[in-house]
C-alpha atoms as a PDB file:
ATOM      1  CA  MET A   1      37.928 -45.882  56.496  1.00  0.00           C
ATOM      2  CA  ASP A   2      39.949 -48.691  57.327  1.00  0.00           C
ATOM      3  CA  ASP A   3      44.048 -49.332  57.512  1.00  0.00           C
ATOM      4  CA  ALA A   4      43.685 -51.655  54.287  1.00  0.00           C
ATOM      5  CA  SER A   5      41.768 -49.242  52.775  1.00  0.00           C
ATOM      6  CA  LEU A   6      43.795 -45.913  52.994  1.00  0.00           C
ATOM      7  CA  ILE A   7      46.640 -48.240  52.015  1.00  0.00           C
ATOM      8  CA  GLN A   8      44.872 -49.126  48.671  1.00  0.00           C
ATOM      9  CA  ALA A   9      43.760 -45.638  47.888  1.00  0.00           C
ATOM     10  CA  ALA A  10      47.125 -44.236  49.057  1.00  0.00           C
ATOM     11  CA  LEU A  11      48.936 -46.558  46.865  1.00  0.00           C
ATOM     12  CA  ARG A  12      46.184 -45.711  43.632  1.00  0.00           C
ATOM     13  CA  THR A  13      47.291 -42.055  44.594  1.00  0.00           C
ATOM     14  CA  ALA A  14      51.139 -42.925  44.137  1.00  0.00           C
ATOM     15  CA  ILE A  15      50.679 -44.905  40.958  1.00  0.00           C
ATOM     16  CA  GLU A  16      48.803 -42.520  39.133  1.00  0.00           C
ATOM     17  CA  SER A  17      50.795 -39.107  39.995  1.00  0.00           C
ATOM     18  CA  PRO A  18      54.592 -40.245  41.646  1.00  0.00           C
ATOM     19  CA  THR A  19      54.787 -37.046  42.871  1.00  0.00           C
ATOM     20  CA  ALA A  20      50.805 -36.402  45.010  1.00  0.00           C
ATOM     21  CA  LEU A  21      52.385 -38.010  48.090  1.00  0.00           C
ATOM     22  CA  ASP A  22      54.771 -35.731  50.149  1.00  0.00           C
ATOM     23  CA  ASP A  23      57.802 -37.235  52.149  1.00  0.00           C
ATOM     24  CA  ARG A  24      55.378 -37.106  55.132  1.00  0.00           C
ATOM     25  CA  ALA A  25      52.516 -39.505  53.428  1.00  0.00           C
ATOM     26  CA  SER A  26      55.030 -41.334  52.356  1.00  0.00           C
ATOM     27  CA  ASP A  27      57.020 -41.706  55.597  1.00  0.00           C
ATOM     28  CA  ALA A  28      53.247 -42.480  56.725  1.00  0.00           C
ATOM     29  CA  LEU A  29      52.356 -45.087  54.078  1.00  0.00           C
ATOM     30  CA  ALA A  30      55.493 -47.010  54.386  1.00  0.00           C
ATOM     31  CA  ARG A  31      54.755 -47.260  58.276  1.00  0.00           C
ATOM     32  CA  THR A  32      50.962 -48.046  57.822  1.00  0.00           C
ATOM     33  CA  ILE A  33      52.468 -51.200  55.823  1.00  0.00           C
ATOM     34  CA  ALA A  34      54.829 -52.235  58.440  1.00  0.00           C
ATOM     35  CA  ALA A  35      52.960 -51.998  60.797  1.00  0.00           C
ATOM     36  CA  GLN A  36      50.161 -54.595  58.895  1.00  0.00           C
ATOM     37  CA  PHE A  37      53.258 -56.887  58.370  1.00  0.00           C
ATOM     38  CA  TYR A  38      54.843 -56.754  61.632  1.00  0.00           C
ATOM     39  CA  SER A  39      54.828 -60.087  63.559  1.00  0.00           C
ATOM     40  CA  GLY A  40      55.815 -58.541  67.376  1.00  0.00           C
ATOM     41  CA  GLY A  41      59.077 -58.872  68.210  1.00  0.00           C
ATOM     42  CA  ASP A  42      62.646 -56.463  69.627  1.00  0.00           C
ATOM     43  CA  ASP A  43      63.817 -57.046  66.405  1.00  0.00           C
ATOM     44  CA  GLU A  44      64.551 -54.948  63.141  1.00  0.00           C
ATOM     45  CA  SER A  45      61.155 -54.469  62.208  1.00  0.00           C
ATOM     46  CA  PHE A  46      60.128 -53.312  65.655  1.00  0.00           C
ATOM     47  CA  GLY A  47      62.580 -50.219  65.323  1.00  0.00           C
ATOM     48  CA  PHE A  48      61.357 -49.294  61.893  1.00  0.00           C
ATOM     49  CA  VAL A  49      57.697 -49.829  62.863  1.00  0.00           C
ATOM     50  CA  ALA A  50      58.718 -47.735  65.961  1.00  0.00           C
ATOM     51  CA  THR A  51      61.377 -45.173  64.959  1.00  0.00           C
ATOM     52  CA  GLY A  52      61.679 -45.443  61.195  1.00  0.00           C
ATOM     53  CA  SER A  53      65.098 -46.586  61.684  1.00  0.00           C
ATOM     54  CA  ILE A  54      66.039 -48.508  58.463  1.00  0.00           C
ATOM     55  CA  PRO A  55      69.954 -50.597  58.409  1.00  0.00           C
ATOM     56  CA  ASP A  56      72.350 -50.245  55.575  1.00  0.00           C
ATOM     57  CA  ASN A  57      71.415 -53.262  54.075  1.00  0.00           C
ATOM     58  CA  PRO A  58      67.550 -53.772  54.785  1.00  0.00           C
ATOM     59  CA  ARG A  59      66.981 -56.945  53.635  1.00  0.00           C
ATOM     60  CA  ARG A  60      66.856 -59.044  57.512  1.00  0.00           C
ATOM     61  CA  LEU A  61      64.252 -56.222  58.092  1.00  0.00           C
ATOM     62  CA  TRP A  62      62.318 -56.795  54.834  1.00  0.00           C
ATOM     63  CA  ARG A  63      62.606 -60.774  55.412  1.00  0.00           C
ATOM     64  CA  GLN A  64      61.255 -59.975  59.232  1.00  0.00           C
ATOM     65  CA  LEU A  65      57.908 -57.925  57.647  1.00  0.00           C
ATOM     66  CA  GLU A  66      57.493 -59.914  54.709  1.00  0.00           C
ATOM     67  CA  PRO A  67      55.153 -62.551  54.595  1.00  0.00           C
ATOM     68  CA  ASP A  68      54.680 -66.310  52.817  1.00  0.00           C
ATOM     69  CA  PRO A  69      54.830 -65.189  49.166  1.00  0.00           C
ATOM     70  CA  ASP A  70      52.241 -68.102  48.946  1.00  0.00           C
ATOM     71  CA  PHE A  71      50.051 -67.534  51.337  1.00  0.00           C
ATOM     72  CA  THR A  72      49.751 -63.204  50.204  1.00  0.00           C
ATOM     73  CA  LEU A  73      46.646 -61.448  48.745  1.00  0.00           C
ATOM     74  CA  PRO A  74      47.389 -59.861  45.279  1.00  0.00           C
ATOM     75  CA  SER A  75      46.448 -56.133  47.416  1.00  0.00           C
ATOM     76  CA  ASP A  76      49.435 -57.256  49.870  1.00  0.00           C
ATOM     77  CA  ARG A  77      51.931 -57.848  47.488  1.00  0.00           C
ATOM     78  CA  GLN A  78      51.355 -54.024  45.870  1.00  0.00           C
ATOM     79  CA  ALA A  79      51.614 -52.999  49.057  1.00  0.00           C
ATOM     80  CA  LEU A  80      54.531 -54.878  50.220  1.00  0.00           C
ATOM     81  CA  GLY A  81      56.396 -53.643  46.841  1.00  0.00           C
ATOM     82  CA  TYR A  82      56.269 -50.035  47.829  1.00  0.00           C
ATOM     83  CA  LEU A  83      57.483 -50.989  51.292  1.00  0.00           C
ATOM     84  CA  ALA A  84      60.269 -52.667  49.717  1.00  0.00           C
ATOM     85  CA  GLY A  85      61.097 -49.771  47.804  1.00  0.00           C
ATOM     86  CA  TYR A  86      60.287 -47.431  50.111  1.00  0.00           C
ATOM     87  CA  LEU A  87      62.963 -49.198  52.348  1.00  0.00           C
ATOM     88  CA  LEU A  88      66.036 -49.528  49.715  1.00  0.00           C
ATOM     89  CA  ARG A  89      65.367 -45.804  49.401  1.00  0.00           C
ATOM     90  CA  HIS A  90      65.443 -45.058  52.533  1.00  0.00           C
ATOM     91  CA  ALA A  91      68.549 -47.493  54.086  1.00  0.00           C
ATOM     92  CA  GLY A  92      70.934 -46.628  56.566  1.00  0.00           C
ATOM     93  CA  ARG A  93      68.856 -43.667  57.877  1.00  0.00           C
ATOM     94  CA  GLY A  94      68.280 -42.854  61.736  1.00  0.00           C
ATOM     95  CA  PRO A  95      65.490 -42.720  63.627  1.00  0.00           C
ATOM     96  CA  VAL A  96      62.199 -40.000  61.968  1.00  0.00           C
ATOM     97  CA  ASP A  97      61.649 -37.287  64.135  1.00  0.00           C
ATOM     98  CA  ASP A  98      57.892 -37.868  65.176  1.00  0.00           C
ATOM     99  CA  TRP A  99      57.570 -41.077  63.446  1.00  0.00           C
ATOM    100  CA  ASN A 100      55.341 -42.012  66.327  1.00  0.00           C
ATOM    101  CA  GLY A 101      52.826 -40.137  64.917  1.00  0.00           C
ATOM    102  CA  LEU A 102      52.267 -40.634  61.129  1.00  0.00           C
ATOM    103  CA  TRP A 103      49.567 -43.475  60.028  1.00  0.00           C
ATOM    104  CA  LEU A 104      47.548 -43.141  57.028  1.00  0.00           C
ATOM    105  CA  ARG A 105      44.205 -41.162  58.004  1.00  0.00           C
ATOM    106  CA  ALA A 106      41.225 -40.149  56.138  1.00  0.00           C
ATOM    107  CA  GLY A 107      41.503 -36.954  55.062  1.00  0.00           C
ATOM    108  CA  GLU A 108      44.783 -35.960  56.293  1.00  0.00           C
ATOM    109  CA  TYR A 109      47.011 -36.810  53.507  1.00  0.00           C
ATOM    110  CA  PRO A 110      45.643 -36.855  49.210  1.00  0.00           C
ATOM    111  CA  VAL A 111      44.667 -40.628  49.778  1.00  0.00           C
ATOM    112  CA  ASP A 112      40.961 -40.796  50.127  1.00  0.00           C
ATOM    113  CA  ALA A 113      39.967 -38.236  46.957  1.00  0.00           C
ATOM    114  CA  LEU A 114      39.786 -39.576  43.587  1.00  0.00           C
ATOM    115  CA  PRO A 115      43.481 -39.549  41.528  1.00  0.00           C
ATOM    116  CA  PRO A 116      44.140 -36.852  39.857  1.00  0.00           C
ATOM    117  CA  GLY A 117      42.112 -36.509  36.170  1.00  0.00           C
ATOM    118  CA  ARG A 118      39.344 -38.848  37.707  1.00  0.00           C
ATOM    119  CA  ASP A 119      36.286 -36.983  38.242  1.00  0.00           C
ATOM    120  CA  GLY A 120      34.008 -39.747  38.856  1.00  0.00           C
ATOM    121  CA  LEU A 121      31.728 -39.123  36.324  1.00  0.00           C
ATOM    122  CA  ALA A 122      32.531 -42.564  34.734  1.00  0.00           C
ATOM    123  CA  MET A 123      31.059 -44.226  37.718  1.00  0.00           C
ATOM    124  CA  ARG A 124      28.116 -42.904  37.366  1.00  0.00           C
ATOM    125  CA  PRO A 125      24.955 -44.798  35.761  1.00  0.00           C
ATOM    126  CA  GLY A 126      24.237 -43.361  32.052  1.00  0.00           C
ATOM    127  CA  ARG A 127      28.157 -42.978  31.519  1.00  0.00           C
ATOM    128  CA  ALA A 128      30.724 -44.301  29.297  1.00  0.00           C
END
């Protein structure tokens, strides 16, 4: 699974069951999303992607990560919405231990399983 697919799977998991992603999985999701939109440079967005630090007011950090909304895919908007909420919830946080090891990986977090309550039967031929 590529990063974009893992992000979408994690977002589906988070939407279906808001408590399914523990703190580390939520951190990994936020870091993976931010890295997708990080455009380089030594600024607040670098600090977040590299260490997990979030300023008291994450507005400038958000602007550094947010692409032009007119050219953003709907799936990217959903990921960016999650990231915006994450930044607001954790505003004022300093560096996170082991942040550089956080990344969405297939099988490591509950992101590549079917969402809770789904058994996959409805997708099989002959099932309604």
